N, C-alpha and C. Protein backbone atom coordinates (compact mmCIF):
# COMPACT_ATOMS: atom_id res chain seq x y z
N MET A 1 -7.24 -19.40 2.39
CA MET A 1 -7.65 -18.24 1.68
C MET A 1 -6.68 -18.12 0.70
N SER A 2 -6.91 -18.62 -0.97
CA SER A 2 -5.66 -17.93 -1.51
C SER A 2 -6.09 -16.62 -1.66
N THR A 3 -4.46 -16.44 -2.38
CA THR A 3 -4.55 -14.88 -2.82
C THR A 3 -4.00 -14.84 -3.95
N SER A 4 -4.02 -13.58 -4.78
CA SER A 4 -3.31 -13.18 -6.14
C SER A 4 -1.92 -12.27 -5.56
N ALA A 5 -1.85 -12.16 -4.19
CA ALA A 5 -0.68 -10.95 -3.87
C ALA A 5 0.03 -11.43 -2.82
N GLU A 6 1.10 -11.41 -2.65
CA GLU A 6 1.97 -11.97 -1.83
C GLU A 6 2.67 -10.50 -0.49
N ILE A 7 2.02 -10.62 0.45
CA ILE A 7 2.62 -9.89 1.26
C ILE A 7 3.78 -10.20 2.48
N GLU A 8 4.63 -8.98 2.32
CA GLU A 8 5.79 -8.92 3.64
C GLU A 8 5.85 -7.69 4.24
N VAL A 9 5.94 -8.03 5.74
CA VAL A 9 5.79 -6.45 6.62
C VAL A 9 7.51 -7.09 7.03
N GLU A 10 7.75 -6.26 7.37
CA GLU A 10 8.66 -5.75 8.49
C GLU A 10 9.10 -4.06 9.38
N ARG A 11 9.53 -4.28 10.31
CA ARG A 11 9.57 -3.09 10.62
C ARG A 11 11.24 -2.36 10.75
N GLU A 12 11.07 -0.88 10.47
CA GLU A 12 12.55 -0.28 10.28
C GLU A 12 12.16 0.77 11.33
N GLY A 13 12.46 1.07 12.45
CA GLY A 13 12.34 2.38 13.35
C GLY A 13 11.05 2.33 13.57
N ALA A 14 10.78 3.22 13.39
CA ALA A 14 8.83 3.83 13.85
C ALA A 14 8.04 3.83 12.40
N VAL A 15 8.71 3.09 11.46
CA VAL A 15 7.58 2.56 10.27
C VAL A 15 7.59 1.33 9.98
N LEU A 16 6.64 0.60 9.79
CA LEU A 16 6.64 -0.53 9.34
C LEU A 16 6.46 -0.42 7.63
N ILE A 17 7.05 -1.27 7.04
CA ILE A 17 7.09 -1.53 5.51
C ILE A 17 6.59 -2.77 5.40
N CYS A 18 5.78 -2.66 4.28
CA CYS A 18 5.26 -3.81 3.67
C CYS A 18 5.23 -3.56 2.20
N ARG A 19 5.40 -4.35 1.73
CA ARG A 19 6.15 -5.08 0.27
C ARG A 19 4.90 -6.54 -0.22
N ILE A 20 4.28 -5.53 -1.20
CA ILE A 20 3.00 -6.39 -1.88
C ILE A 20 3.69 -6.57 -3.47
N ALA A 21 3.34 -7.82 -3.84
CA ALA A 21 3.69 -8.09 -5.13
C ALA A 21 2.01 -8.96 -5.39
N GLY A 22 2.33 -8.86 -6.96
CA GLY A 22 0.99 -9.36 -7.50
C GLY A 22 -0.08 -8.34 -7.72
N GLU A 23 -1.32 -8.84 -7.79
CA GLU A 23 -2.57 -7.84 -7.88
C GLU A 23 -3.41 -7.82 -6.79
N ILE A 24 -4.02 -6.57 -6.70
CA ILE A 24 -4.75 -6.31 -5.70
C ILE A 24 -6.12 -6.34 -6.36
N ASP A 25 -7.12 -7.18 -5.84
CA ASP A 25 -8.37 -6.46 -6.36
C ASP A 25 -9.65 -7.04 -5.65
N MET A 26 -10.82 -7.31 -6.27
CA MET A 26 -12.09 -7.67 -5.03
C MET A 26 -11.42 -9.18 -4.57
N ASN A 27 -10.78 -9.81 -5.41
CA ASN A 27 -10.78 -11.21 -4.62
C ASN A 27 -9.80 -11.16 -3.25
N ASN A 28 -8.91 -9.93 -3.45
CA ASN A 28 -7.87 -10.19 -2.06
C ASN A 28 -8.11 -9.00 -1.53
N ALA A 29 -8.53 -8.12 -1.82
CA ALA A 29 -8.50 -6.84 -0.89
C ALA A 29 -8.93 -6.73 0.74
N ALA A 30 -10.02 -7.87 0.83
CA ALA A 30 -10.50 -7.75 2.23
C ALA A 30 -9.50 -8.41 2.97
N PHE A 31 -8.72 -9.45 2.71
CA PHE A 31 -7.88 -10.34 3.28
C PHE A 31 -6.61 -8.59 3.31
N LEU A 32 -5.81 -8.24 2.28
CA LEU A 32 -4.89 -7.66 2.52
C LEU A 32 -5.39 -6.50 3.55
N ARG A 33 -6.27 -5.72 3.37
CA ARG A 33 -6.99 -5.01 4.44
C ARG A 33 -6.73 -5.57 5.94
N GLU A 34 -7.11 -6.86 6.34
CA GLU A 34 -6.88 -7.31 7.57
C GLU A 34 -5.19 -7.26 7.91
N GLU A 35 -4.63 -7.80 7.18
CA GLU A 35 -3.12 -7.98 6.97
C GLU A 35 -2.27 -6.63 7.38
N LEU A 36 -2.78 -5.84 6.63
CA LEU A 36 -2.38 -4.61 6.61
C LEU A 36 -2.59 -3.76 7.99
N THR A 37 -4.22 -3.37 8.45
CA THR A 37 -4.33 -3.08 10.02
C THR A 37 -4.53 -3.42 11.00
N GLY A 38 -4.02 -5.03 10.85
CA GLY A 38 -3.23 -5.90 12.25
C GLY A 38 -2.07 -5.81 12.28
N ALA A 39 -1.30 -5.42 11.08
CA ALA A 39 0.30 -5.39 11.59
C ALA A 39 0.65 -3.90 12.25
N VAL A 40 0.02 -2.85 12.16
CA VAL A 40 0.56 -1.72 12.82
C VAL A 40 0.31 -1.69 13.92
N PRO A 41 1.55 -1.30 14.50
CA PRO A 41 0.98 -1.35 16.07
C PRO A 41 1.01 0.19 16.47
N ASN A 42 0.43 0.80 17.64
CA ASN A 42 0.00 1.78 17.98
C ASN A 42 1.07 2.70 17.92
N ASP A 43 2.49 2.42 18.33
CA ASP A 43 3.90 3.20 18.40
C ASP A 43 4.06 3.23 16.95
N ALA A 44 3.60 3.11 15.96
CA ALA A 44 4.83 3.27 14.69
C ALA A 44 4.01 4.58 14.32
N GLU A 45 4.85 5.43 13.65
CA GLU A 45 4.64 6.30 12.88
C GLU A 45 4.38 6.27 11.45
N ALA A 46 4.84 5.39 10.94
CA ALA A 46 3.84 5.36 9.62
C ALA A 46 4.07 3.76 9.21
N LEU A 47 3.30 3.96 8.17
CA LEU A 47 2.83 2.41 7.23
C LEU A 47 3.50 2.90 5.81
N ALA A 48 4.83 2.31 5.10
CA ALA A 48 5.06 2.27 3.75
C ALA A 48 4.82 1.22 2.82
N VAL A 49 3.85 1.18 2.38
CA VAL A 49 3.58 0.04 1.34
C VAL A 49 4.22 0.79 -0.02
N ASP A 50 5.07 -0.48 0.00
CA ASP A 50 5.97 -0.73 -1.25
C ASP A 50 5.03 -1.69 -2.19
N LEU A 51 4.67 -0.89 -3.69
CA LEU A 51 3.81 -1.15 -4.45
C LEU A 51 4.43 -1.26 -5.96
N ALA A 52 5.70 -1.51 -5.97
CA ALA A 52 6.63 -1.71 -7.09
C ALA A 52 6.54 -3.18 -7.72
N ALA A 53 6.18 -4.43 -6.70
CA ALA A 53 5.71 -5.10 -7.64
C ALA A 53 4.25 -5.86 -7.74
N VAL A 54 3.49 -4.72 -7.61
CA VAL A 54 2.31 -4.81 -7.67
C VAL A 54 2.07 -4.76 -8.93
N ARG A 55 1.33 -5.41 -9.93
CA ARG A 55 1.27 -5.33 -11.57
C ARG A 55 -0.59 -4.80 -11.54
N TYR A 56 -1.22 -4.98 -10.67
CA TYR A 56 -2.56 -4.43 -11.33
C TYR A 56 -3.25 -3.82 -9.95
N LEU A 57 -3.80 -2.81 -10.05
CA LEU A 57 -5.16 -2.07 -9.00
C LEU A 57 -6.51 -2.04 -9.57
N ASP A 58 -7.60 -2.95 -8.71
CA ASP A 58 -8.91 -2.68 -9.43
C ASP A 58 -9.32 -1.25 -8.18
N SER A 59 -10.60 -1.38 -8.53
CA SER A 59 -11.12 0.11 -7.68
C SER A 59 -11.26 -0.08 -5.98
N SER A 60 -11.26 -1.90 -5.60
CA SER A 60 -11.37 -2.04 -4.84
C SER A 60 -10.09 -1.80 -3.63
N ALA A 61 -9.06 -2.15 -4.84
CA ALA A 61 -7.88 -1.67 -4.17
C ALA A 61 -7.61 -0.31 -3.81
N ILE A 62 -8.17 0.68 -4.33
CA ILE A 62 -8.29 2.12 -4.45
C ILE A 62 -8.81 2.61 -3.00
N GLU A 63 -9.48 1.76 -3.13
CA GLU A 63 -10.78 1.93 -1.87
C GLU A 63 -9.93 1.56 -0.37
N LEU A 64 -9.37 0.71 -0.77
CA LEU A 64 -8.54 -0.41 0.50
C LEU A 64 -7.10 1.07 0.69
N LEU A 65 -6.95 1.73 0.00
CA LEU A 65 -5.72 2.66 0.08
C LEU A 65 -6.31 3.77 0.84
N PHE A 66 -7.36 4.41 0.13
CA PHE A 66 -7.97 5.48 0.84
C PHE A 66 -8.78 5.27 2.23
N GLU A 67 -8.70 3.95 2.45
CA GLU A 67 -9.17 3.56 3.68
C GLU A 67 -8.42 3.88 4.94
N LEU A 68 -7.47 2.79 4.51
CA LEU A 68 -6.02 2.56 5.43
C LEU A 68 -5.64 3.98 5.61
N ALA A 69 -5.62 4.76 4.53
CA ALA A 69 -4.93 6.42 5.19
C ALA A 69 -5.91 7.07 6.01
N ARG A 70 -7.47 7.03 6.06
CA ARG A 70 -7.82 7.45 6.82
C ARG A 70 -8.06 6.77 8.52
N ARG A 71 -7.71 5.37 8.28
CA ARG A 71 -7.76 4.37 9.60
C ARG A 71 -5.99 5.02 10.25
N LEU A 72 -5.37 5.05 9.36
CA LEU A 72 -4.05 5.73 10.02
C LEU A 72 -4.29 7.19 10.55
N ALA A 73 -4.42 7.78 9.97
CA ALA A 73 -4.93 9.49 10.21
C ALA A 73 -5.52 9.65 11.46
N ARG A 74 -6.76 8.41 11.80
CA ARG A 74 -7.21 9.01 12.92
C ARG A 74 -6.41 8.41 13.99
N ARG A 75 -5.39 7.68 14.07
CA ARG A 75 -4.46 7.23 15.06
C ARG A 75 -3.39 7.85 14.87
N ARG A 76 -3.31 9.15 14.27
CA ARG A 76 -2.14 9.83 14.11
C ARG A 76 -0.77 9.48 13.45
N GLN A 77 -1.19 8.50 12.59
CA GLN A 77 -0.13 7.67 11.78
C GLN A 77 -0.14 7.92 10.73
N ARG A 78 1.11 8.22 9.73
CA ARG A 78 0.81 8.24 8.15
C ARG A 78 0.99 7.33 7.16
N LEU A 79 0.66 7.39 6.00
CA LEU A 79 0.76 5.72 5.22
C LEU A 79 1.44 6.33 3.76
N HIS A 80 2.54 6.01 3.94
CA HIS A 80 3.46 6.51 2.57
C HIS A 80 3.11 5.02 1.39
N LEU A 81 3.04 5.61 0.09
CA LEU A 81 2.93 4.87 -0.88
C LEU A 81 4.17 4.68 -1.76
N ILE A 82 5.03 3.69 -1.93
CA ILE A 82 6.00 3.79 -2.63
C ILE A 82 5.72 3.08 -4.13
N VAL A 83 5.75 3.55 -4.89
CA VAL A 83 5.26 3.56 -6.52
C VAL A 83 6.50 4.18 -7.48
N PRO A 84 7.22 3.36 -8.11
CA PRO A 84 8.43 3.41 -8.93
C PRO A 84 7.72 4.35 -9.99
N GLU A 85 8.71 5.36 -10.72
CA GLU A 85 8.07 6.37 -11.55
C GLU A 85 7.98 5.95 -12.62
N ARG A 86 8.18 4.77 -13.45
CA ARG A 86 7.77 4.23 -14.72
C ARG A 86 6.75 3.15 -14.35
N SER A 87 6.30 3.03 -12.87
CA SER A 87 5.54 1.79 -13.07
C SER A 87 3.83 2.80 -13.90
N PRO A 88 2.68 1.49 -14.43
CA PRO A 88 1.69 1.68 -14.68
C PRO A 88 1.00 2.48 -13.77
N LEU A 89 1.36 2.14 -12.68
CA LEU A 89 0.21 2.24 -11.53
C LEU A 89 0.48 3.73 -11.01
N ARG A 90 0.96 4.50 -11.29
CA ARG A 90 1.89 5.71 -10.69
C ARG A 90 0.26 6.68 -11.24
N ARG A 91 0.13 6.48 -12.84
CA ARG A 91 -1.00 7.56 -13.49
C ARG A 91 -2.17 7.15 -12.83
N LEU A 92 -2.54 5.78 -12.54
CA LEU A 92 -3.65 5.46 -11.96
C LEU A 92 -3.85 5.96 -10.38
N LEU A 93 -2.85 6.49 -9.38
CA LEU A 93 -3.16 6.60 -8.30
C LEU A 93 -3.35 8.36 -8.44
N GLU A 94 -2.64 8.77 -9.63
CA GLU A 94 -2.53 10.23 -9.66
C GLU A 94 -3.98 10.64 -10.02
N LEU A 95 -4.70 9.75 -10.76
CA LEU A 95 -6.12 10.55 -11.57
C LEU A 95 -6.88 9.81 -10.19
N THR A 96 -6.66 9.16 -9.09
CA THR A 96 -7.42 8.73 -8.26
C THR A 96 -7.57 10.16 -6.94
N ASP A 97 -6.37 10.73 -7.03
CA ASP A 97 -5.92 11.74 -6.10
C ASP A 97 -5.49 11.07 -4.78
N ILE A 98 -4.92 9.74 -4.57
CA ILE A 98 -4.32 9.38 -3.66
C ILE A 98 -3.67 10.39 -2.75
N ALA A 99 -2.42 11.25 -3.47
CA ALA A 99 -1.66 12.14 -2.43
C ALA A 99 -2.95 12.79 -2.03
N SER A 100 -3.52 13.25 -1.94
CA SER A 100 -4.35 13.73 -0.68
C SER A 100 -4.68 13.30 0.76
N VAL A 101 -4.34 12.24 0.60
CA VAL A 101 -4.27 11.62 2.13
C VAL A 101 -3.19 10.62 2.58
N ALA A 102 -2.44 10.24 1.36
CA ALA A 102 -1.29 9.38 1.49
C ALA A 102 0.29 10.26 0.96
N VAL A 103 1.16 10.35 1.21
CA VAL A 103 2.60 10.60 0.49
C VAL A 103 2.59 9.71 -0.40
N VAL A 104 2.75 9.74 -1.79
CA VAL A 104 3.64 9.16 -2.55
C VAL A 104 4.98 9.32 -2.84
N GLU A 105 5.43 8.42 -2.76
CA GLU A 105 7.23 8.36 -2.73
C GLU A 105 7.45 7.78 -4.07
N THR A 106 8.55 7.76 -5.16
CA THR A 106 9.13 7.29 -6.09
C THR A 106 10.56 6.23 -5.12
N GLY A 107 9.78 4.78 -5.81
CA GLY A 107 11.14 3.84 -4.83
C GLY A 107 11.33 3.48 -6.20
N PRO A 108 12.69 2.56 -5.91
CA PRO A 108 13.40 1.48 -6.68
C PRO A 108 12.13 0.45 -7.48
N ALA A 109 12.25 0.53 -8.51
CA ALA A 109 11.75 -0.65 -9.66
C ALA A 109 11.86 -2.02 -9.16
N ALA A 110 10.71 -2.78 -9.28
CA ALA A 110 10.97 -4.17 -8.45
C ALA A 110 11.72 -4.62 -10.35
N PRO A 111 11.89 -5.89 -9.98
CA PRO A 111 12.54 -6.62 -10.98
C PRO A 111 11.59 -7.07 -12.00
N GLY A 112 11.34 -6.34 -13.42
CA GLY A 112 10.90 -6.97 -14.44
C GLY A 112 10.14 -5.19 -14.75
N VAL A 113 9.98 -4.52 -13.89
CA VAL A 113 8.74 -3.49 -13.94
C VAL A 113 9.48 -2.16 -14.77
């Protein structure tokens, strides 16, 4: 399956860090859902999704983030979203009130952001 997003997952202690680059939309949201939910082991305390290199989110991407936060909460795990302060995604995430289900953090900007 081709996707317009690249995903890289690594573990740092009890936190799983997922870096996504590209676009998250209806064409790849199901693929990313599978990748993210399958990557989080039961013993992880949190999943940190770094959105610094993401250029675009549509409604299916927002739905994916809310669903992911609910799944993790049922497992007593947390979702952290890393969004640079100057990212255009930050306003979209504020409007959707993603902070009600996930911790939104300011992270370093990806090159070109």
